[in-house]
PDB file of N, CA and C in Angstrom:
ATOM      1  N   MET A   1       0.836  -1.175   0.000  1.00  0.00           N
ATOM      2  CA  MET A   1       0.000   0.000   0.000  1.00  0.00           C
ATOM      3  C   MET A   1       0.883   1.241   0.000  1.00  0.00           C
ATOM      4  N   GLU A   2       0.454   2.196  -0.790  1.00  0.00           N
ATOM      5  CA  GLU A   2       1.198   3.447  -0.883  1.00  0.00           C
ATOM      6  C   GLU A   2       0.558   4.503   0.005  1.00  0.00           C
ATOM      7  N   SER A   3       1.377   5.415   0.481  1.00  0.00           N
ATOM      8  CA  SER A   3       0.898   6.545   1.271  1.00  0.00           C
ATOM      9  C   SER A   3       0.780   7.761   0.368  1.00  0.00           C
ATOM     10  N   TYR A   4      -0.268   8.544   0.594  1.00  0.00           N
ATOM     11  CA  TYR A   4      -0.506   9.749  -0.187  1.00  0.00           C
ATOM     12  C   TYR A   4      -0.801  10.905   0.746  1.00  0.00           C
ATOM     13  N   GLN A   5      -0.370  12.082   0.340  1.00  0.00           N
ATOM     14  CA  GLN A   5      -0.740  13.327   1.006  1.00  0.00           C
ATOM     15  C   GLN A   5      -1.237  14.250  -0.094  1.00  0.00           C
ATOM     16  N   LEU A   6      -2.526  14.584  -0.020  1.00  0.00           N
ATOM     17  CA  LEU A   6      -3.154  15.361  -1.079  1.00  0.00           C
ATOM     18  C   LEU A   6      -3.852  16.582  -0.523  1.00  0.00           C
ATOM     19  N   ASP A   7      -3.971  17.590  -1.362  1.00  0.00           N
ATOM     20  CA  ASP A   7      -4.856  18.715  -1.115  1.00  0.00           C
ATOM     21  C   ASP A   7      -6.073  18.474  -1.993  1.00  0.00           C
ATOM     22  N   VAL A   8      -7.225  18.266  -1.361  1.00  0.00           N
ATOM     23  CA  VAL A   8      -8.452  18.014  -2.109  1.00  0.00           C
ATOM     24  C   VAL A   8      -9.605  18.700  -1.383  1.00  0.00           C
ATOM     25  N   CYS A   9     -10.431  19.386  -2.124  1.00  0.00           N
ATOM     26  CA  CYS A   9     -11.583  20.100  -1.557  1.00  0.00           C
ATOM     27  C   CYS A   9     -11.146  21.039  -0.433  1.00  0.00           C
ATOM     28  N   GLU A  10     -10.052  21.715  -0.661  1.00  0.00           N
ATOM     29  CA  GLU A  10      -9.519  22.677   0.299  1.00  0.00           C
ATOM     30  C   GLU A  10      -9.123  22.037   1.631  1.00  0.00           C
ATOM     31  N   LEU A  11      -8.840  20.747   1.602  1.00  0.00           N
ATOM     32  CA  LEU A  11      -8.407  20.021   2.797  1.00  0.00           C
ATOM     33  C   LEU A  11      -7.113  19.278   2.504  1.00  0.00           C
ATOM     34  N   LYS A  12      -6.293  19.146   3.527  1.00  0.00           N
ATOM     35  CA  LYS A  12      -5.089  18.322   3.401  1.00  0.00           C
ATOM     36  C   LYS A  12      -5.418  16.942   3.953  1.00  0.00           C
ATOM     37  N   LEU A  13      -5.178  15.921   3.142  1.00  0.00           N
ATOM     38  CA  LEU A  13      -5.499  14.547   3.532  1.00  0.00           C
ATOM     39  C   LEU A  13      -4.265  13.665   3.420  1.00  0.00           C
ATOM     40  N   ALA A  14      -4.145  12.751   4.346  1.00  0.00           N
ATOM     41  CA  ALA A  14      -3.102  11.729   4.285  1.00  0.00           C
ATOM     42  C   ALA A  14      -3.802  10.385   4.432  1.00  0.00           C
ATOM     43  N   PHE A  15      -3.460   9.446   3.554  1.00  0.00           N
ATOM     44  CA  PHE A  15      -4.087   8.128   3.601  1.00  0.00           C
ATOM     45  C   PHE A  15      -3.213   7.117   2.886  1.00  0.00           C
ATOM     46  N   ARG A  16      -3.569   5.854   3.063  1.00  0.00           N
ATOM     47  CA  ARG A  16      -2.878   4.749   2.400  1.00  0.00           C
ATOM     48  C   ARG A  16      -3.893   3.988   1.568  1.00  0.00           C
ATOM     49  N   THR A  17      -3.460   3.526   0.395  1.00  0.00           N
ATOM     50  CA  THR A  17      -4.330   2.743  -0.473  1.00  0.00           C
ATOM     51  C   THR A  17      -3.481   1.885  -1.394  1.00  0.00           C
ATOM     52  N   SER A  18      -4.095   0.845  -1.898  1.00  0.00           N
ATOM     53  CA  SER A  18      -3.400   0.004  -2.873  1.00  0.00           C
ATOM     54  C   SER A  18      -3.547   0.566  -4.289  1.00  0.00           C
ATOM     55  N   ALA A  19      -4.377   1.595  -4.452  1.00  0.00           N
ATOM     56  CA  ALA A  19      -4.542   2.220  -5.770  1.00  0.00           C
ATOM     57  C   ALA A  19      -3.249   2.925  -6.163  1.00  0.00           C
ATOM     58  N   GLY A  20      -2.952   2.856  -7.447  1.00  0.00           N
ATOM     59  CA  GLY A  20      -1.753   3.494  -7.959  1.00  0.00           C
ATOM     60  C   GLY A  20      -1.875   5.007  -8.041  1.00  0.00           C
ATOM     61  N   PRO A  21      -0.742   5.697  -8.224  1.00  0.00           N
ATOM     62  CA  PRO A  21      -0.737   7.157  -8.246  1.00  0.00           C
ATOM     63  C   PRO A  21      -1.635   7.765  -9.330  1.00  0.00           C
ATOM     64  N   GLU A  22      -1.676   7.144 -10.510  1.00  0.00           N
ATOM     65  CA  GLU A  22      -2.509   7.686 -11.594  1.00  0.00           C
ATOM     66  C   GLU A  22      -3.990   7.629 -11.212  1.00  0.00           C
ATOM     67  N   ARG A  23      -4.365   6.539 -10.594  1.00  0.00           N
ATOM     68  CA  ARG A  23      -5.764   6.370 -10.192  1.00  0.00           C
ATOM     69  C   ARG A  23      -6.145   7.360  -9.086  1.00  0.00           C
ATOM     70  N   VAL A  24      -5.259   7.541  -8.129  1.00  0.00           N
ATOM     71  CA  VAL A  24      -5.512   8.485  -7.039  1.00  0.00           C
ATOM     72  C   VAL A  24      -5.605   9.905  -7.594  1.00  0.00           C
ATOM     73  N   GLU A  25      -4.700  10.269  -8.473  1.00  0.00           N
ATOM     74  CA  GLU A  25      -4.708  11.618  -9.042  1.00  0.00           C
ATOM     75  C   GLU A  25      -5.954  11.850  -9.894  1.00  0.00           C
ATOM     76  N   ARG A  26      -6.352  10.862 -10.645  1.00  0.00           N
ATOM     77  CA  ARG A  26      -7.571  10.986 -11.456  1.00  0.00           C
ATOM     78  C   ARG A  26      -8.795  11.210 -10.561  1.00  0.00           C
ATOM     79  N   ALA A  27      -8.877  10.455  -9.484  1.00  0.00           N
ATOM     80  CA  ALA A  27      -9.989  10.615  -8.547  1.00  0.00           C
ATOM     81  C   ALA A  27      -9.935  11.978  -7.870  1.00  0.00           C
ATOM     82  N   ARG A  28      -8.748  12.418  -7.484  1.00  0.00           N
ATOM     83  CA  ARG A  28      -8.603  13.720  -6.836  1.00  0.00           C
ATOM     84  C   ARG A  28      -9.066  14.838  -7.759  1.00  0.00           C
ATOM     85  N   ARG A  29      -8.636  14.783  -9.017  1.00  0.00           N
ATOM     86  CA  ARG A  29      -9.046  15.816  -9.988  1.00  0.00           C
ATOM     87  C   ARG A  29     -10.558  15.820 -10.168  1.00  0.00           C
ATOM     88  N   TYR A  30     -11.142  14.626 -10.261  1.00  0.00           N
ATOM     89  CA  TYR A  30     -12.592  14.509 -10.447  1.00  0.00           C
ATOM     90  C   TYR A  30     -13.338  15.115  -9.255  1.00  0.00           C
ATOM     91  N   VAL A  31     -12.922  14.756  -8.046  1.00  0.00           N
ATOM     92  CA  VAL A  31     -13.585  15.266  -6.846  1.00  0.00           C
ATOM     93  C   VAL A  31     -13.401  16.784  -6.743  1.00  0.00           C
ATOM     94  N   ASP A  32     -12.199  17.272  -7.015  1.00  0.00           N
ATOM     95  CA  ASP A  32     -11.979  18.718  -6.959  1.00  0.00           C
ATOM     96  C   ASP A  32     -12.838  19.464  -7.974  1.00  0.00           C
ATOM     97  N   THR A  33     -12.981  18.903  -9.162  1.00  0.00           N
ATOM     98  CA  THR A  33     -13.830  19.525 -10.186  1.00  0.00           C
ATOM     99  C   THR A  33     -15.277  19.584  -9.717  1.00  0.00           C
ATOM    100  N   LEU A  34     -15.774  18.465  -9.191  1.00  0.00           N
ATOM    101  CA  LEU A  34     -17.144  18.454  -8.674  1.00  0.00           C
ATOM    102  C   LEU A  34     -17.302  19.414  -7.501  1.00  0.00           C
ATOM    103  N   TYR A  35     -16.319  19.463  -6.645  1.00  0.00           N
ATOM    104  CA  TYR A  35     -16.360  20.364  -5.491  1.00  0.00           C
ATOM    105  C   TYR A  35     -16.456  21.817  -5.957  1.00  0.00           C
ATOM    106  N   ASP A  36     -15.630  22.176  -6.924  1.00  0.00           N
ATOM    107  CA  ASP A  36     -15.668  23.543  -7.454  1.00  0.00           C
ATOM    108  C   ASP A  36     -17.027  23.858  -8.074  1.00  0.00           C
ATOM    109  N   GLN A  37     -17.614  22.886  -8.783  1.00  0.00           N
ATOM    110  CA  GLN A  37     -18.941  23.090  -9.373  1.00  0.00           C
ATOM    111  C   GLN A  37     -19.993  23.261  -8.279  1.00  0.00           C
ATOM    112  N   MET A  38     -19.907  22.450  -7.228  1.00  0.00           N
ATOM    113  CA  MET A  38     -20.867  22.552  -6.127  1.00  0.00           C
ATOM    114  C   MET A  38     -20.740  23.904  -5.426  1.00  0.00           C
ATOM    115  N   LYS A  39     -19.508  24.357  -5.237  1.00  0.00           N
ATOM    116  CA  LYS A  39     -19.301  25.656  -4.596  1.00  0.00           C
ATOM    117  C   LYS A  39     -19.927  26.766  -5.435  1.00  0.00           C
ATOM    118  N   ALA A  40     -19.733  26.706  -6.744  1.00  0.00           N
ATOM    119  CA  ALA A  40     -20.277  27.732  -7.626  1.00  0.00           C
ATOM    120  C   ALA A  40     -21.805  27.680  -7.629  1.00  0.00           C
ATOM    121  N   TYR A  41     -22.363  26.478  -7.631  1.00  0.00           N
ATOM    122  CA  TYR A  41     -23.806  26.301  -7.654  1.00  0.00           C
ATOM    123  C   TYR A  41     -24.432  26.627  -6.305  1.00  0.00           C
ATOM    124  N   GLY A  42     -23.761  26.245  -5.233  1.00  0.00           N
ATOM    125  CA  GLY A  42     -24.320  26.370  -3.894  1.00  0.00           C
ATOM    126  C   GLY A  42     -24.259  27.772  -3.320  1.00  0.00           C
ATOM    127  N   GLY A  43     -23.529  28.649  -3.970  1.00  0.00           N
ATOM    128  CA  GLY A  43     -23.435  30.001  -3.453  1.00  0.00           C
ATOM    129  C   GLY A  43     -22.630  30.058  -2.169  1.00  0.00           C
ATOM    130  N   PRO A  44     -23.077  30.885  -1.228  1.00  0.00           N
ATOM    131  CA  PRO A  44     -22.285  31.109  -0.017  1.00  0.00           C
ATOM    132  C   PRO A  44     -22.502  30.042   1.067  1.00  0.00           C
ATOM    133  N   LEU A  45     -22.506  28.778   0.671  1.00  0.00           N
ATOM    134  CA  LEU A  45     -22.641  27.702   1.651  1.00  0.00           C
ATOM    135  C   LEU A  45     -21.284  27.426   2.284  1.00  0.00           C
ATOM    136  N   GLY A  46     -21.312  26.917   3.496  1.00  0.00           N
ATOM    137  CA  GLY A  46     -20.079  26.535   4.159  1.00  0.00           C
ATOM    138  C   GLY A  46     -19.483  25.287   3.513  1.00  0.00           C
ATOM    139  N   LYS A  47     -18.207  25.077   3.795  1.00  0.00           N
ATOM    140  CA  LYS A  47     -17.490  23.939   3.221  1.00  0.00           C
ATOM    141  C   LYS A  47     -18.160  22.608   3.573  1.00  0.00           C
ATOM    142  N   ASP A  48     -18.646  22.485   4.809  1.00  0.00           N
ATOM    143  CA  ASP A  48     -19.290  21.240   5.230  1.00  0.00           C
ATOM    144  C   ASP A  48     -20.507  20.921   4.368  1.00  0.00           C
ATOM    145  N   LYS A  49     -21.330  21.912   4.109  1.00  0.00           N
ATOM    146  CA  LYS A  49     -22.537  21.690   3.311  1.00  0.00           C
ATOM    147  C   LYS A  49     -22.188  21.353   1.868  1.00  0.00           C
ATOM    148  N   VAL A  50     -21.169  22.021   1.330  1.00  0.00           N
ATOM    149  CA  VAL A  50     -20.742  21.725  -0.043  1.00  0.00           C
ATOM    150  C   VAL A  50     -20.215  20.297  -0.118  1.00  0.00           C
ATOM    151  N   LEU A  51     -19.443  19.870   0.878  1.00  0.00           N
ATOM    152  CA  LEU A  51     -18.917  18.505   0.887  1.00  0.00           C
ATOM    153  C   LEU A  51     -20.048  17.480   0.999  1.00  0.00           C
ATOM    154  N   VAL A  52     -21.064  17.769   1.789  1.00  0.00           N
ATOM    155  CA  VAL A  52     -22.201  16.850   1.901  1.00  0.00           C
ATOM    156  C   VAL A  52     -22.956  16.795   0.571  1.00  0.00           C
ATOM    157  N   MET A  53     -23.144  17.936  -0.089  1.00  0.00           N
ATOM    158  CA  MET A  53     -23.789  17.931  -1.409  1.00  0.00           C
ATOM    159  C   MET A  53     -22.982  17.094  -2.397  1.00  0.00           C
ATOM    160  N   LEU A  54     -21.661  17.236  -2.340  1.00  0.00           N
ATOM    161  CA  LEU A  54     -20.780  16.452  -3.205  1.00  0.00           C
ATOM    162  C   LEU A  54     -20.907  14.969  -2.894  1.00  0.00           C
ATOM    163  N   LEU A  55     -20.941  14.630  -1.625  1.00  0.00           N
ATOM    164  CA  LEU A  55     -21.078  13.239  -1.212  1.00  0.00           C
ATOM    165  C   LEU A  55     -22.394  12.644  -1.708  1.00  0.00           C
ATOM    166  N   ILE A  56     -23.470  13.390  -1.584  1.00  0.00           N
ATOM    167  CA  ILE A  56     -24.769  12.903  -2.060  1.00  0.00           C
ATOM    168  C   ILE A  56     -24.752  12.732  -3.576  1.00  0.00           C
ATOM    169  N   SER A  57     -24.135  13.666  -4.283  1.00  0.00           N
ATOM    170  CA  SER A  57     -24.041  13.562  -5.735  1.00  0.00           C
ATOM    171  C   SER A  57     -23.257  12.316  -6.153  1.00  0.00           C
ATOM    172  N   LEU A  58     -22.127  12.078  -5.496  1.00  0.00           N
ATOM    173  CA  LEU A  58     -21.316  10.901  -5.814  1.00  0.00           C
ATOM    174  C   LEU A  58     -22.050   9.612  -5.443  1.00  0.00           C
ATOM    175  N   ALA A  59     -22.750   9.624  -4.323  1.00  0.00           N
ATOM    176  CA  ALA A  59     -23.514   8.442  -3.914  1.00  0.00           C
ATOM    177  C   ALA A  59     -24.613   8.152  -4.930  1.00  0.00           C
ATOM    178  N   ASP A  60     -25.283   9.188  -5.416  1.00  0.00           N
ATOM    179  CA  ASP A  60     -26.315   8.999  -6.432  1.00  0.00           C
ATOM    180  C   ASP A  60     -25.713   8.423  -7.707  1.00  0.00           C
ATOM    181  N   ASP A  61     -24.585   8.965  -8.148  1.00  0.00           N
ATOM    182  CA  ASP A  61     -23.908   8.431  -9.339  1.00  0.00           C
ATOM    183  C   ASP A  61     -23.574   6.955  -9.148  1.00  0.00           C
ATOM    184  N   PHE A  62     -23.025   6.621  -7.987  1.00  0.00           N
ATOM    185  CA  PHE A  62     -22.666   5.239  -7.692  1.00  0.00           C
ATOM    186  C   PHE A  62     -23.890   4.326  -7.721  1.00  0.00           C
ATOM    187  N   LEU A  63     -24.967   4.750  -7.073  1.00  0.00           N
ATOM    188  CA  LEU A  63     -26.175   3.921  -7.020  1.00  0.00           C
ATOM    189  C   LEU A  63     -26.790   3.735  -8.408  1.00  0.00           C
ATOM    190  N   GLN A  64     -26.764   4.774  -9.235  1.00  0.00           N
ATOM    191  CA  GLN A  64     -27.274   4.649 -10.593  1.00  0.00           C
ATOM    192  C   GLN A  64     -26.445   3.636 -11.390  1.00  0.00           C
ATOM    193  N   LEU A  65     -25.130   3.714 -11.260  1.00  0.00           N
ATOM    194  CA  LEU A  65     -24.259   2.773 -11.966  1.00  0.00           C
ATOM    195  C   LEU A  65     -24.441   1.349 -11.448  1.00  0.00           C
ATOM    196  N   ARG A  66     -24.610   1.209 -10.147  1.00  0.00           N
ATOM    197  CA  ARG A  66     -24.835  -0.118  -9.566  1.00  0.00           C
ATOM    198  C   ARG A  66     -26.138  -0.720 -10.068  1.00  0.00           C
ATOM    199  N   ASP A  67     -27.183   0.104 -10.160  1.00  0.00           N
ATOM    200  CA  ASP A  67     -28.460  -0.381 -10.685  1.00  0.00           C
ATOM    201  C   ASP A  67     -28.330  -0.805 -12.146  1.00  0.00           C
ATOM    202  N   LYS A  68     -27.636   0.000 -12.953  1.00  0.00           N
ATOM    203  CA  LYS A  68     -27.438  -0.359 -14.366  1.00  0.00           C
ATOM    204  C   LYS A  68     -26.647  -1.658 -14.491  1.00  0.00           C
ATOM    205  N   HIS A  69     -25.634  -1.808 -13.662  1.00  0.00           N
ATOM    206  CA  HIS A  69     -24.817  -3.026 -13.667  1.00  0.00           C
ATOM    207  C   HIS A  69     -25.671  -4.233 -13.307  1.00  0.00           C
ATOM    208  N   SER A  70     -26.499  -4.084 -12.288  1.00  0.00           N
ATOM    209  CA  SER A  70     -27.382  -5.170 -11.855  1.00  0.00           C
ATOM    210  C   SER A  70     -28.375  -5.532 -12.955  1.00  0.00           C
ATOM    211  N   GLN A  71     -28.939  -4.523 -13.612  1.00  0.00           N
ATOM    212  CA  GLN A  71     -29.885  -4.775 -14.704  1.00  0.00           C
ATOM    213  C   GLN A  71     -29.192  -5.493 -15.862  1.00  0.00           C
ATOM    214  N   ALA A  72     -27.967  -5.090 -16.173  1.00  0.00           N
ATOM    215  CA  ALA A  72     -27.216  -5.748 -17.246  1.00  0.00           C
ATOM    216  C   ALA A  72     -26.928  -7.199 -16.873  1.00  0.00           C
ATOM    217  N   ASP A  73     -26.552  -7.437 -15.609  1.00  0.00           N
ATOM    218  CA  ASP A  73     -26.326  -8.808 -15.145  1.00  0.00           C
ATOM    219  C   ASP A  73     -27.594  -9.642 -15.282  1.00  0.00           C
ATOM    220  N   ASP A  74     -28.735  -9.064 -14.900  1.00  0.00           N
ATOM    221  CA  ASP A  74     -30.007  -9.783 -15.009  1.00  0.00           C
ATOM    222  C   ASP A  74     -30.317 -10.134 -16.458  1.00  0.00           C
ATOM    223  N   ARG A  75     -30.097  -9.170 -17.362  1.00  0.00           N
ATOM    224  CA  ARG A  75     -30.358  -9.432 -18.790  1.00  0.00           C
ATOM    225  C   ARG A  75     -29.441 -10.520 -19.324  1.00  0.00           C
ATOM    226  N   LEU A  76     -28.168 -10.484 -18.917  1.00  0.00           N
ATOM    227  CA  LEU A  76     -27.229 -11.511 -19.363  1.00  0.00           C
ATOM    228  C   LEU A  76     -27.605 -12.881 -18.812  1.00  0.00           C
ATOM    229  N   ASP A  77     -28.035 -12.937 -17.552  1.00  0.00           N
ATOM    230  CA  ASP A  77     -28.477 -14.203 -16.964  1.00  0.00           C
ATOM    231  C   ASP A  77     -29.674 -14.766 -17.719  1.00  0.00           C
ATOM    232  N   LYS A  78     -30.633 -13.906 -18.056  1.00  0.00           N
ATOM    233  CA  LYS A  78     -31.816 -14.351 -18.798  1.00  0.00           C
ATOM    234  C   LYS A  78     -31.436 -14.831 -20.196  1.00  0.00           C
ATOM    235  N   LEU A  79     -30.520 -14.123 -20.835  1.00  0.00           N
ATOM    236  CA  LEU A  79     -30.063 -14.532 -22.164  1.00  0.00           C
ATOM    237  C   LEU A  79     -29.352 -15.877 -22.096  1.00  0.00           C
ATOM    238  N   LEU A  80     -28.491 -16.050 -21.110  1.00  0.00           N
ATOM    239  CA  LEU A  80     -27.791 -17.320 -20.947  1.00  0.00           C
ATOM    240  C   LEU A  80     -28.774 -18.447 -20.677  1.00  0.00           C
ATOM    241  N   GLN A  81     -29.749 -18.197 -19.820  1.00  0.00           N
ATOM    242  CA  GLN A  81     -30.773 -19.207 -19.523  1.00  0.00           C
ATOM    243  C   GLN A  81     -31.551 -19.558 -20.780  1.00  0.00           C
ATOM    244  N   SER A  82     -31.892 -18.542 -21.565  1.00  0.00           N
ATOM    245  CA  SER A  82     -32.630 -18.777 -22.808  1.00  0.00           C
ATOM    246  C   SER A  82     -31.801 -19.613 -23.778  1.00  0.00           C
ATOM    247  N   LEU A  83     -30.517 -19.306 -23.884  1.00  0.00           N
ATOM    248  CA  LEU A  83     -29.644 -20.082 -24.760  1.00  0.00           C
ATOM    249  C   LEU A  83     -29.556 -21.532 -24.299  1.00  0.00           C
ATOM    250  N   LYS A  84     -29.470 -21.738 -22.992  1.00  0.00           N
ATOM    251  CA  LYS A  84     -29.400 -23.101 -22.458  1.00  0.00           C
ATOM    252  C   LYS A  84     -30.699 -23.853 -22.724  1.00  0.00           C
ATOM    253  N   GLU A  85     -31.818 -23.181 -22.539  1.00  0.00           N
ATOM    254  CA  GLU A  85     -33.119 -23.823 -22.755  1.00  0.00           C
ATOM    255  C   GLU A  85     -33.341 -24.182 -24.213  1.00  0.00           C
ATOM    256  N   ASN A  86     -32.732 -23.426 -25.110  1.00  0.00           N
ATOM    257  CA  ASN A  86     -32.894 -23.680 -26.543  1.00  0.00           C
ATOM    258  C   ASN A  86     -31.789 -24.573 -27.090  1.00  0.00           C
ATOM    259  N   GLY A  87     -31.014 -25.178 -26.207  1.00  0.00           N
ATOM    260  CA  GLY A  87     -29.987 -26.129 -26.628  1.00  0.00           C
ATOM    261  C   GLY A  87     -28.803 -25.495 -27.316  1.00  0.00           C
ATOM    262  N   MET A  88     -28.537 -24.250 -27.026  1.00  0.00           N
ATOM    263  CA  MET A  88     -27.440 -23.566 -27.697  1.00  0.00           C
ATOM    264  C   MET A  88     -26.270 -23.335 -26.766  1.00  0.00           C
ATOM    265  N   GLU A  89     -26.197 -24.111 -25.710  1.00  0.00           N
ATOM    266  CA  GLU A  89     -25.075 -23.912 -24.805  1.00  0.00           C
ATOM    267  C   GLU A  89     -23.803 -24.423 -25.458  1.00  0.00           C
ATOM    268  N   SER A  90     -22.715 -23.983 -24.968  1.00  0.00           N
ATOM    269  CA  SER A  90     -21.401 -24.313 -25.511  1.00  0.00           C
ATOM    270  C   SER A  90     -21.228 -25.828 -25.624  1.00  0.00           C
ATOM    271  N   GLY A  91     -20.787 -26.256 -26.788  1.00  0.00           N
ATOM    272  CA  GLY A  91     -20.517 -27.677 -26.993  1.00  0.00           C
ATOM    273  C   GLY A  91     -21.705 -28.479 -27.453  1.00  0.00           C
ATOM    274  N   SER A  92     -22.853 -27.857 -27.713  1.00  0.00           N
ATOM    275  CA  SER A  92     -24.035 -28.625 -28.112  1.00  0.00           C
ATOM    276  C   SER A  92     -23.983 -29.024 -29.581  1.00  0.00           C
ATOM    277  N   GLY A  93     -23.093 -28.388 -30.312  1.00  0.00           N
ATOM    278  CA  GLY A  93     -23.000 -28.729 -31.741  1.00  0.00           C
ATOM    279  C   GLY A  93     -23.936 -27.898 -32.603  1.00  0.00           C
ATOM    280  N   ASP A  94     -24.791 -27.104 -32.015  1.00  0.00           N
ATOM    281  CA  ASP A  94     -25.716 -26.292 -32.779  1.00  0.00           C
ATOM    282  C   ASP A  94     -25.045 -25.052 -33.364  1.00  0.00           C
ATOM    283  N   MET A  95     -23.953 -24.678 -32.821  1.00  0.00           N
ATOM    284  CA  MET A  95     -23.279 -23.459 -33.273  1.00  0.00           C
ATOM    285  C   MET A  95     -21.903 -23.860 -33.805  1.00  0.00           C
ATOM    286  N   PRO A  96     -21.436 -23.158 -34.847  1.00  0.00           N
ATOM    287  CA  PRO A  96     -20.083 -23.453 -35.358  1.00  0.00           C
ATOM    288  C   PRO A  96     -19.046 -23.007 -34.333  1.00  0.00           C
ATOM    289  N   PRO A  97     -17.869 -23.612 -34.371  1.00  0.00           N
ATOM    290  CA  PRO A  97     -16.802 -23.206 -33.473  1.00  0.00           C
ATOM    291  C   PRO A  97     -16.446 -21.736 -33.691  1.00  0.00           C
ATOM    292  N   ALA A  98     -15.970 -21.097 -32.666  1.00  0.00           N
ATOM    293  CA  ALA A  98     -15.577 -19.689 -32.758  1.00  0.00           C
ATOM    294  C   ALA A  98     -14.494 -19.527 -33.802  1.00  0.00           C
ATOM    295  N   GLY A  99     -14.558 -18.426 -34.522  1.00  0.00           N
ATOM    296  CA  GLY A  99     -13.535 -18.110 -35.498  1.00  0.00           C
ATOM    297  C   GLY A  99     -13.827 -18.646 -36.896  1.00  0.00           C
ATOM    298  N   ILE A 100     -14.955 -19.327 -37.064  1.00  0.00           N
ATOM    299  CA  ILE A 100     -15.281 -19.841 -38.389  1.00  0.00           C
ATOM    300  C   ILE A 100     -16.357 -19.008 -39.014  1.00  0.00           C
TER     301      ILE A 100
END
């Protein structure tokens, strides 16, 4: 695990993570950009309120992506089940080998 010391959202943070430097920097830039947008949108709100707005925004983004991922998994499961029910599972001989 690597140690990092960053300035993000007008705060100095120190933490350890297994994420590489490029990934940490990309996340820091993203959060700082969102923070700046929230500050501009929120007007004269205190830092705590802006950070909570940012947290809610990120949580909403995460939950939306998780729901989409779950829906995609469900569709893939149904497709796989349908293929199995129709005798098209791998090795059934109904489909040509890959690459032909």
